[in-house]
């Protein structure tokens, strides 16, 4: 008789503990979800961050601040915050002097698209940490086709002439990268773009102050927005219009 009651007691105890920890987990997930930047639940004309309505106001000296390092970045963010700024636009651009690429350079001017450049991702992490500390919202633009303009294409890692992964002829010109890779179904390019997006989302979704935008003033077809649903299936993110 004692063992039967003991079994029932422990069964009830386990059920209560499971319910408690499950409820605690759900509440934690809900709290985390409500703390991220998103349209206001009370008024859709406003944003909401950490459960409170917010108007986004900001300006910056560059459109890809994640490439800035150290005191140069933190001083700029402090100046912005000191005058009430709480928003910054950030394109994942790599065309300016001093910028680094996402892929590892294995020798001068030659890249391995299967290896990441740690410095690139360290810069992004630092940028997200510092903006988060100051409650500055980041609108992160995934693609910037201006990186391919002029001499940018000649030195870019996605140019088959500059990497050890693609055969010459896979890409006819720079238009086959952003938008063209999808429209022409160039799987060799799409595979690396998907891998890049997977990595980018795995890093940025650790922070609640990030909005996502597809193109920097792009003129690509609407089909290019397919990248948006791909991201949303992987993680719950908030996306703005495809143009900055």
C-alpha atoms as a PDB file:
ATOM      1  CA  UNK A   1       0.000   0.000   0.000  1.00  0.00           C
ATOM      2  CA  UNK A   2       2.829   2.362   0.913  1.00  0.00           C
ATOM      3  CA  UNK A   3       4.625   1.737  -2.394  1.00  0.00           C
ATOM      4  CA  UNK A   4       1.445   2.417  -4.387  1.00  0.00           C
ATOM      5  CA  UNK A   5       0.891   5.759  -2.659  1.00  0.00           C
ATOM      6  CA  UNK A   6       4.585   6.552  -2.999  1.00  0.00           C
ATOM      7  CA  UNK A   7       4.426   5.861  -6.719  1.00  0.00           C
ATOM      8  CA  UNK A   8       1.353   8.088  -7.069  1.00  0.00           C
ATOM      9  CA  UNK A   9       3.010  10.805  -4.982  1.00  0.00           C
ATOM     10  CA  UNK A  10       6.181  10.824  -7.036  1.00  0.00           C
ATOM     11  CA  UNK A  11       4.139  10.705 -10.223  1.00  0.00           C
ATOM     12  CA  UNK A  12       2.186  13.783  -9.135  1.00  0.00           C
ATOM     13  CA  UNK A  13       5.392  15.504  -8.015  1.00  0.00           C
ATOM     14  CA  UNK A  14       7.058  14.878 -11.374  1.00  0.00           C
ATOM     15  CA  UNK A  15       3.979  16.179 -13.208  1.00  0.00           C
ATOM     16  CA  UNK A  16       3.951  19.351 -11.094  1.00  0.00           C
ATOM     17  CA  UNK A  17       7.656  19.931 -11.695  1.00  0.00           C
ATOM     18  CA  UNK A  18       7.286  19.369 -15.428  1.00  0.00           C
ATOM     19  CA  UNK A  19       4.361  21.816 -15.531  1.00  0.00           C
ATOM     20  CA  UNK A  20       6.336  24.367 -13.506  1.00  0.00           C
ATOM     21  CA  UNK A  21       9.445  24.248 -15.679  1.00  0.00           C
ATOM     22  CA  UNK A  22       7.396  24.178 -18.896  1.00  0.00           C
ATOM     23  CA  UNK A  23       5.414  27.239 -17.787  1.00  0.00           C
ATOM     24  CA  UNK A  24       8.613  29.011 -16.751  1.00  0.00           C
ATOM     25  CA  UNK A  25      10.195  28.273 -20.136  1.00  0.00           C
ATOM     26  CA  UNK A  26       7.142  29.514 -22.041  1.00  0.00           C
ATOM     27  CA  UNK A  27       7.060  32.724 -20.016  1.00  0.00           C
ATOM     28  CA  UNK A  28      10.758  33.260 -20.636  1.00  0.00           C
ATOM     29  CA  UNK A  29      10.321  32.780 -24.393  1.00  0.00           C
ATOM     30  CA  UNK A  30       7.329  35.139 -24.373  1.00  0.00           C
ATOM     31  CA  UNK A  31       9.306  37.761 -22.436  1.00  0.00           C
ATOM     32  CA  UNK A  32      12.227  37.478 -24.844  1.00  0.00           C
ATOM     33  CA  UNK A  33       9.866  37.822 -27.805  1.00  0.00           C
ATOM     34  CA  UNK A  34       8.195  40.919 -26.369  1.00  0.00           C
ATOM     35  CA  UNK A  35      11.578  42.522 -25.619  1.00  0.00           C
ATOM     36  CA  UNK A  36      12.697  42.482 -29.258  1.00  0.00           C
ATOM     37  CA  UNK A  37      12.063  45.310 -31.719  1.00  0.00           C
ATOM     38  CA  UNK A  38       8.692  44.812 -33.423  1.00  0.00           C
ATOM     39  CA  UNK A  39       5.538  46.715 -34.442  1.00  0.00           C
ATOM     40  CA  UNK A  40       3.739  48.038 -31.373  1.00  0.00           C
ATOM     41  CA  UNK A  41       1.004  45.763 -30.113  1.00  0.00           C
ATOM     42  CA  UNK A  42      -0.961  48.830 -29.011  1.00  0.00           C
ATOM     43  CA  UNK A  43      -0.467  51.124 -32.001  1.00  0.00           C
ATOM     44  CA  UNK A  44       0.823  49.749 -35.312  1.00  0.00           C
ATOM     45  CA  UNK A  45       2.063  53.217 -36.328  1.00  0.00           C
ATOM     46  CA  UNK A  46       4.863  52.837 -33.780  1.00  0.00           C
ATOM     47  CA  UNK A  47       7.564  50.357 -32.977  1.00  0.00           C
ATOM     48  CA  UNK A  48       7.875  48.496 -29.691  1.00  0.00           C
ATOM     49  CA  UNK A  49      11.116  47.639 -27.913  1.00  0.00           C
ATOM     50  CA  UNK A  50      11.451  45.918 -24.551  1.00  0.00           C
ATOM     51  CA  UNK A  51       7.675  46.086 -24.235  1.00  0.00           C
ATOM     52  CA  UNK A  52       7.451  49.870 -24.662  1.00  0.00           C
ATOM     53  CA  UNK A  53       6.375  51.990 -27.665  1.00  0.00           C
ATOM     54  CA  UNK A  54       9.271  53.744 -29.364  1.00  0.00           C
ATOM     55  CA  UNK A  55       9.863  56.205 -32.207  1.00  0.00           C
ATOM     56  CA  UNK A  56      13.060  55.492 -34.130  1.00  0.00           C
ATOM     57  CA  UNK A  57      15.284  58.532 -34.726  1.00  0.00           C
ATOM     58  CA  UNK A  58      18.843  58.407 -35.938  1.00  0.00           C
ATOM     59  CA  UNK A  59      21.668  59.388 -38.257  1.00  0.00           C
ATOM     60  CA  UNK A  60      25.244  58.261 -38.752  1.00  0.00           C
ATOM     61  CA  UNK A  61      28.467  59.090 -40.598  1.00  0.00           C
ATOM     62  CA  UNK A  62      28.475  55.862 -42.625  1.00  0.00           C
ATOM     63  CA  UNK A  63      26.015  53.282 -43.912  1.00  0.00           C
ATOM     64  CA  UNK A  64      28.021  50.257 -42.762  1.00  0.00           C
ATOM     65  CA  UNK A  65      29.092  51.066 -39.223  1.00  0.00           C
ATOM     66  CA  UNK A  66      29.664  47.392 -38.425  1.00  0.00           C
ATOM     67  CA  UNK A  67      32.959  47.745 -40.299  1.00  0.00           C
ATOM     68  CA  UNK A  68      34.142  50.386 -37.800  1.00  0.00           C
ATOM     69  CA  UNK A  69      36.217  49.185 -34.859  1.00  0.00           C
ATOM     70  CA  UNK A  70      37.116  50.150 -31.305  1.00  0.00           C
ATOM     71  CA  UNK A  71      36.822  53.713 -30.044  1.00  0.00           C
ATOM     72  CA  UNK A  72      35.908  55.073 -33.454  1.00  0.00           C
ATOM     73  CA  UNK A  73      32.639  53.168 -33.304  1.00  0.00           C
ATOM     74  CA  UNK A  74      31.865  53.584 -29.603  1.00  0.00           C
ATOM     75  CA  UNK A  75      32.495  57.344 -29.675  1.00  0.00           C
ATOM     76  CA  UNK A  76      30.173  57.689 -32.638  1.00  0.00           C
ATOM     77  CA  UNK A  77      27.431  55.673 -30.935  1.00  0.00           C
ATOM     78  CA  UNK A  78      27.855  57.689 -27.725  1.00  0.00           C
ATOM     79  CA  UNK A  79      27.501  60.933 -29.670  1.00  0.00           C
ATOM     80  CA  UNK A  80      24.363  59.616 -31.339  1.00  0.00           C
ATOM     81  CA  UNK A  81      22.829  58.497 -28.041  1.00  0.00           C
ATOM     82  CA  UNK A  82      23.704  61.794 -26.350  1.00  0.00           C
ATOM     83  CA  UNK A  83      21.355  63.695 -28.674  1.00  0.00           C
ATOM     84  CA  UNK A  84      18.533  61.162 -28.435  1.00  0.00           C
ATOM     85  CA  UNK A  85      19.388  58.930 -31.368  1.00  0.00           C
ATOM     86  CA  UNK A  86      18.145  55.348 -31.047  1.00  0.00           C
ATOM     87  CA  UNK A  87      18.345  54.028 -34.611  1.00  0.00           C
ATOM     88  CA  UNK A  88      21.047  53.340 -37.177  1.00  0.00           C
ATOM     89  CA  UNK A  89      20.940  52.004 -40.701  1.00  0.00           C
ATOM     90  CA  UNK A  90      23.603  49.376 -41.398  1.00  0.00           C
ATOM     91  CA  UNK A  91      24.240  47.784 -44.769  1.00  0.00           C
ATOM     92  CA  UNK A  92      26.375  44.633 -44.857  1.00  0.00           C
ATOM     93  CA  UNK A  93      28.649  46.453 -47.275  1.00  0.00           C
ATOM     94  CA  UNK A  94      32.337  45.827 -47.885  1.00  0.00           C
ATOM     95  CA  UNK A  95      33.454  48.287 -50.570  1.00  0.00           C
ATOM     96  CA  UNK A  96      35.095  51.084 -48.553  1.00  0.00           C
ATOM     97  CA  UNK A  97      38.775  51.374 -47.757  1.00  0.00           C
ATOM     98  CA  UNK A  98      39.516  49.462 -44.553  1.00  0.00           C
ATOM     99  CA  UNK A  99      36.479  47.175 -44.896  1.00  0.00           C
ATOM    100  CA  UNK A 100      36.912  43.414 -44.692  1.00  0.00           C
ATOM    101  CA  UNK A 101      35.092  40.624 -46.537  1.00  0.00           C
ATOM    102  CA  UNK A 102      33.135  37.780 -44.974  1.00  0.00           C
ATOM    103  CA  UNK A 103      35.361  35.153 -46.589  1.00  0.00           C
ATOM    104  CA  UNK A 104      38.899  34.177 -45.719  1.00  0.00           C
ATOM    105  CA  UNK A 105      41.688  35.506 -47.918  1.00  0.00           C
ATOM    106  CA  UNK A 106      44.094  32.593 -48.410  1.00  0.00           C
ATOM    107  CA  UNK A 107      46.560  34.625 -50.440  1.00  0.00           C
ATOM    108  CA  UNK A 108      46.550  38.187 -51.693  1.00  0.00           C
ATOM    109  CA  UNK A 109      43.396  38.749 -53.727  1.00  0.00           C
ATOM    110  CA  UNK A 110      42.263  35.101 -53.539  1.00  0.00           C
ATOM    111  CA  UNK A 111      39.514  33.814 -51.256  1.00  0.00           C
ATOM    112  CA  UNK A 112      38.090  30.512 -50.066  1.00  0.00           C
ATOM    113  CA  UNK A 113      34.299  30.844 -49.898  1.00  0.00           C
ATOM    114  CA  UNK A 114      34.105  27.779 -47.645  1.00  0.00           C
ATOM    115  CA  UNK A 115      36.049  29.565 -44.906  1.00  0.00           C
ATOM    116  CA  UNK A 116      34.919  32.581 -42.915  1.00  0.00           C
ATOM    117  CA  UNK A 117      36.998  35.635 -42.160  1.00  0.00           C
ATOM    118  CA  UNK A 118      36.859  35.827 -38.354  1.00  0.00           C
ATOM    119  CA  UNK A 119      37.603  39.554 -38.340  1.00  0.00           C
ATOM    120  CA  UNK A 120      34.425  40.269 -40.331  1.00  0.00           C
ATOM    121  CA  UNK A 121      32.185  38.416 -37.896  1.00  0.00           C
ATOM    122  CA  UNK A 122      34.031  39.807 -34.858  1.00  0.00           C
ATOM    123  CA  UNK A 123      33.339  43.316 -36.131  1.00  0.00           C
ATOM    124  CA  UNK A 124      29.652  42.508 -36.539  1.00  0.00           C
ATOM    125  CA  UNK A 125      29.431  41.051 -33.019  1.00  0.00           C
ATOM    126  CA  UNK A 126      31.150  44.102 -31.535  1.00  0.00           C
ATOM    127  CA  UNK A 127      28.808  46.437 -33.397  1.00  0.00           C
ATOM    128  CA  UNK A 128      25.705  44.572 -32.207  1.00  0.00           C
ATOM    129  CA  UNK A 129      26.957  44.434 -28.625  1.00  0.00           C
ATOM    130  CA  UNK A 130      27.678  48.163 -28.506  1.00  0.00           C
ATOM    131  CA  UNK A 131      24.391  49.214 -30.121  1.00  0.00           C
ATOM    132  CA  UNK A 132      22.471  46.881 -27.806  1.00  0.00           C
ATOM    133  CA  UNK A 133      24.166  48.386 -24.738  1.00  0.00           C
ATOM    134  CA  UNK A 134      22.888  51.800 -25.797  1.00  0.00           C
ATOM    135  CA  UNK A 135      19.394  50.624 -26.834  1.00  0.00           C
ATOM    136  CA  UNK A 136      20.113  51.636 -30.420  1.00  0.00           C
ATOM    137  CA  UNK A 137      18.029  49.778 -32.981  1.00  0.00           C
ATOM    138  CA  UNK A 138      19.866  48.455 -36.039  1.00  0.00           C
ATOM    139  CA  UNK A 139      18.192  48.175 -39.425  1.00  0.00           C
ATOM    140  CA  UNK A 140      20.417  45.601 -41.055  1.00  0.00           C
ATOM    141  CA  UNK A 141      20.397  45.519 -44.874  1.00  0.00           C
ATOM    142  CA  UNK A 142      21.406  42.112 -46.204  1.00  0.00           C
ATOM    143  CA  UNK A 143      22.524  42.913 -49.755  1.00  0.00           C
ATOM    144  CA  UNK A 144      24.270  45.961 -51.180  1.00  0.00           C
ATOM    145  CA  UNK A 145      24.685  45.664 -54.938  1.00  0.00           C
ATOM    146  CA  UNK A 146      26.773  48.859 -54.957  1.00  0.00           C
ATOM    147  CA  UNK A 147      29.608  46.700 -53.628  1.00  0.00           C
ATOM    148  CA  UNK A 148      29.831  45.321 -57.164  1.00  0.00           C
ATOM    149  CA  UNK A 149      30.033  48.715 -58.862  1.00  0.00           C
ATOM    150  CA  UNK A 150      33.164  49.819 -60.687  1.00  0.00           C
ATOM    151  CA  UNK A 151      36.335  48.215 -59.380  1.00  0.00           C
ATOM    152  CA  UNK A 152      34.355  46.562 -56.580  1.00  0.00           C
ATOM    153  CA  UNK A 153      33.485  43.608 -58.796  1.00  0.00           C
ATOM    154  CA  UNK A 154      37.068  43.187 -59.977  1.00  0.00           C
ATOM    155  CA  UNK A 155      38.276  42.509 -56.427  1.00  0.00           C
ATOM    156  CA  UNK A 156      35.178  40.934 -54.851  1.00  0.00           C
ATOM    157  CA  UNK A 157      35.424  37.359 -53.463  1.00  0.00           C
ATOM    158  CA  UNK A 158      32.263  36.276 -55.345  1.00  0.00           C
ATOM    159  CA  UNK A 159      33.971  37.015 -58.650  1.00  0.00           C
ATOM    160  CA  UNK A 160      35.146  33.555 -59.819  1.00  0.00           C
ATOM    161  CA  UNK A 161      38.489  35.087 -60.773  1.00  0.00           C
ATOM    162  CA  UNK A 162      39.075  35.823 -57.077  1.00  0.00           C
ATOM    163  CA  UNK A 163      38.100  32.554 -55.383  1.00  0.00           C
ATOM    164  CA  UNK A 164      39.128  28.902 -55.475  1.00  0.00           C
ATOM    165  CA  UNK A 165      35.564  27.587 -55.388  1.00  0.00           C
ATOM    166  CA  UNK A 166      33.891  28.604 -58.659  1.00  0.00           C
ATOM    167  CA  UNK A 167      34.760  27.732 -62.227  1.00  0.00           C
ATOM    168  CA  UNK A 168      35.153  30.613 -64.647  1.00  0.00           C
ATOM    169  CA  UNK A 169      31.964  31.099 -66.607  1.00  0.00           C
ATOM    170  CA  UNK A 170      29.626  30.276 -63.713  1.00  0.00           C
ATOM    171  CA  UNK A 171      28.977  34.014 -63.465  1.00  0.00           C
ATOM    172  CA  UNK A 172      28.907  36.143 -66.589  1.00  0.00           C
ATOM    173  CA  UNK A 173      29.020  39.485 -64.792  1.00  0.00           C
ATOM    174  CA  UNK A 174      28.197  41.185 -61.486  1.00  0.00           C
ATOM    175  CA  UNK A 175      24.450  41.166 -62.231  1.00  0.00           C
ATOM    176  CA  UNK A 176      24.498  37.382 -61.805  1.00  0.00           C
ATOM    177  CA  UNK A 177      25.198  37.802 -58.086  1.00  0.00           C
ATOM    178  CA  UNK A 178      22.429  39.882 -56.502  1.00  0.00           C
ATOM    179  CA  UNK A 179      19.106  38.932 -58.070  1.00  0.00           C
ATOM    180  CA  UNK A 180      20.612  37.240 -61.095  1.00  0.00           C
ATOM    181  CA  UNK A 181      21.655  34.189 -59.097  1.00  0.00           C
ATOM    182  CA  UNK A 182      18.003  33.570 -58.300  1.00  0.00           C
ATOM    183  CA  UNK A 183      16.461  34.504 -61.641  1.00  0.00           C
ATOM    184  CA  UNK A 184      18.970  32.410 -63.584  1.00  0.00           C
ATOM    185  CA  UNK A 185      18.998  29.639 -60.963  1.00  0.00           C
ATOM    186  CA  UNK A 186      22.776  29.715 -60.581  1.00  0.00           C
ATOM    187  CA  UNK A 187      22.974  27.176 -57.786  1.00  0.00           C
ATOM    188  CA  UNK A 188      26.717  27.571 -57.255  1.00  0.00           C
ATOM    189  CA  UNK A 189      26.159  31.197 -56.262  1.00  0.00           C
ATOM    190  CA  UNK A 190      22.905  30.632 -54.380  1.00  0.00           C
ATOM    191  CA  UNK A 191      24.547  27.983 -52.199  1.00  0.00           C
ATOM    192  CA  UNK A 192      27.123  30.473 -50.916  1.00  0.00           C
ATOM    193  CA  UNK A 193      24.502  33.177 -50.481  1.00  0.00           C
ATOM    194  CA  UNK A 194      22.312  30.842 -48.412  1.00  0.00           C
ATOM    195  CA  UNK A 195      25.320  29.868 -46.306  1.00  0.00           C
ATOM    196  CA  UNK A 196      26.131  33.535 -45.731  1.00  0.00           C
ATOM    197  CA  UNK A 197      22.540  34.295 -44.693  1.00  0.00           C
ATOM    198  CA  UNK A 198      22.499  31.302 -42.332  1.00  0.00           C
ATOM    199  CA  UNK A 199      25.645  32.586 -40.642  1.00  0.00           C
ATOM    200  CA  UNK A 200      24.387  36.166 -40.530  1.00  0.00           C
ATOM    201  CA  UNK A 201      21.067  35.196 -38.969  1.00  0.00           C
ATOM    202  CA  UNK A 202      22.718  32.886 -36.435  1.00  0.00           C
ATOM    203  CA  UNK A 203      24.736  35.871 -35.193  1.00  0.00           C
ATOM    204  CA  UNK A 204      22.191  38.688 -35.371  1.00  0.00           C
ATOM    205  CA  UNK A 205      19.203  36.873 -33.868  1.00  0.00           C
ATOM    206  CA  UNK A 206      21.105  36.686 -30.588  1.00  0.00           C
ATOM    207  CA  UNK A 207      20.224  40.365 -30.209  1.00  0.00           C
ATOM    208  CA  UNK A 208      16.782  41.905 -29.829  1.00  0.00           C
ATOM    209  CA  UNK A 209      17.616  45.274 -31.402  1.00  0.00           C
ATOM    210  CA  UNK A 210      17.811  44.177 -35.049  1.00  0.00           C
ATOM    211  CA  UNK A 211      15.415  44.824 -37.921  1.00  0.00           C
ATOM    212  CA  UNK A 212      16.036  43.228 -41.322  1.00  0.00           C
ATOM    213  CA  UNK A 213      15.943  44.811 -44.774  1.00  0.00           C
ATOM    214  CA  UNK A 214      16.598  43.015 -48.074  1.00  0.00           C
ATOM    215  CA  UNK A 215      18.273  45.469 -50.460  1.00  0.00           C
ATOM    216  CA  UNK A 216      20.129  48.752 -50.331  1.00  0.00           C
ATOM    217  CA  UNK A 217      18.160  50.752 -52.926  1.00  0.00           C
ATOM    218  CA  UNK A 218      18.108  47.719 -55.193  1.00  0.00           C
ATOM    219  CA  UNK A 219      16.376  47.400 -58.542  1.00  0.00           C
ATOM    220  CA  UNK A 220      16.299  43.609 -58.537  1.00  0.00           C
ATOM    221  CA  UNK A 221      13.094  41.713 -59.300  1.00  0.00           C
ATOM    222  CA  UNK A 222      10.472  41.017 -56.665  1.00  0.00           C
ATOM    223  CA  UNK A 223      11.531  37.367 -56.715  1.00  0.00           C
ATOM    224  CA  UNK A 224      14.688  38.382 -54.889  1.00  0.00           C
ATOM    225  CA  UNK A 225      12.497  38.954 -51.825  1.00  0.00           C
ATOM    226  CA  UNK A 226      12.308  35.146 -51.565  1.00  0.00           C
ATOM    227  CA  UNK A 227      15.298  35.559 -49.267  1.00  0.00           C
ATOM    228  CA  UNK A 228      12.887  37.096 -46.745  1.00  0.00           C
ATOM    229  CA  UNK A 229      10.627  34.051 -46.344  1.00  0.00           C
ATOM    230  CA  UNK A 230      13.712  31.812 -46.189  1.00  0.00           C
ATOM    231  CA  UNK A 231      14.976  33.805 -43.202  1.00  0.00           C
ATOM    232  CA  UNK A 232      11.590  33.909 -41.505  1.00  0.00           C
ATOM    233  CA  UNK A 233      11.305  30.119 -41.651  1.00  0.00           C
ATOM    234  CA  UNK A 234      14.618  29.761 -39.842  1.00  0.00           C
ATOM    235  CA  UNK A 235      14.018  32.372 -37.148  1.00  0.00           C
ATOM    236  CA  UNK A 236      11.280  34.754 -36.084  1.00  0.00           C
ATOM    237  CA  UNK A 237      12.504  38.112 -37.339  1.00  0.00           C
ATOM    238  CA  UNK A 238      10.923  41.469 -38.181  1.00  0.00           C
ATOM    239  CA  UNK A 239      11.518  42.724 -41.709  1.00  0.00           C
ATOM    240  CA  UNK A 240      11.018  46.179 -43.195  1.00  0.00           C
ATOM    241  CA  UNK A 241      10.356  46.849 -46.898  1.00  0.00           C
ATOM    242  CA  UNK A 242      12.880  45.451 -49.371  1.00  0.00           C
ATOM    243  CA  UNK A 243      14.269  48.942 -50.083  1.00  0.00           C
ATOM    244  CA  UNK A 244      16.144  51.084 -47.580  1.00  0.00           C
END
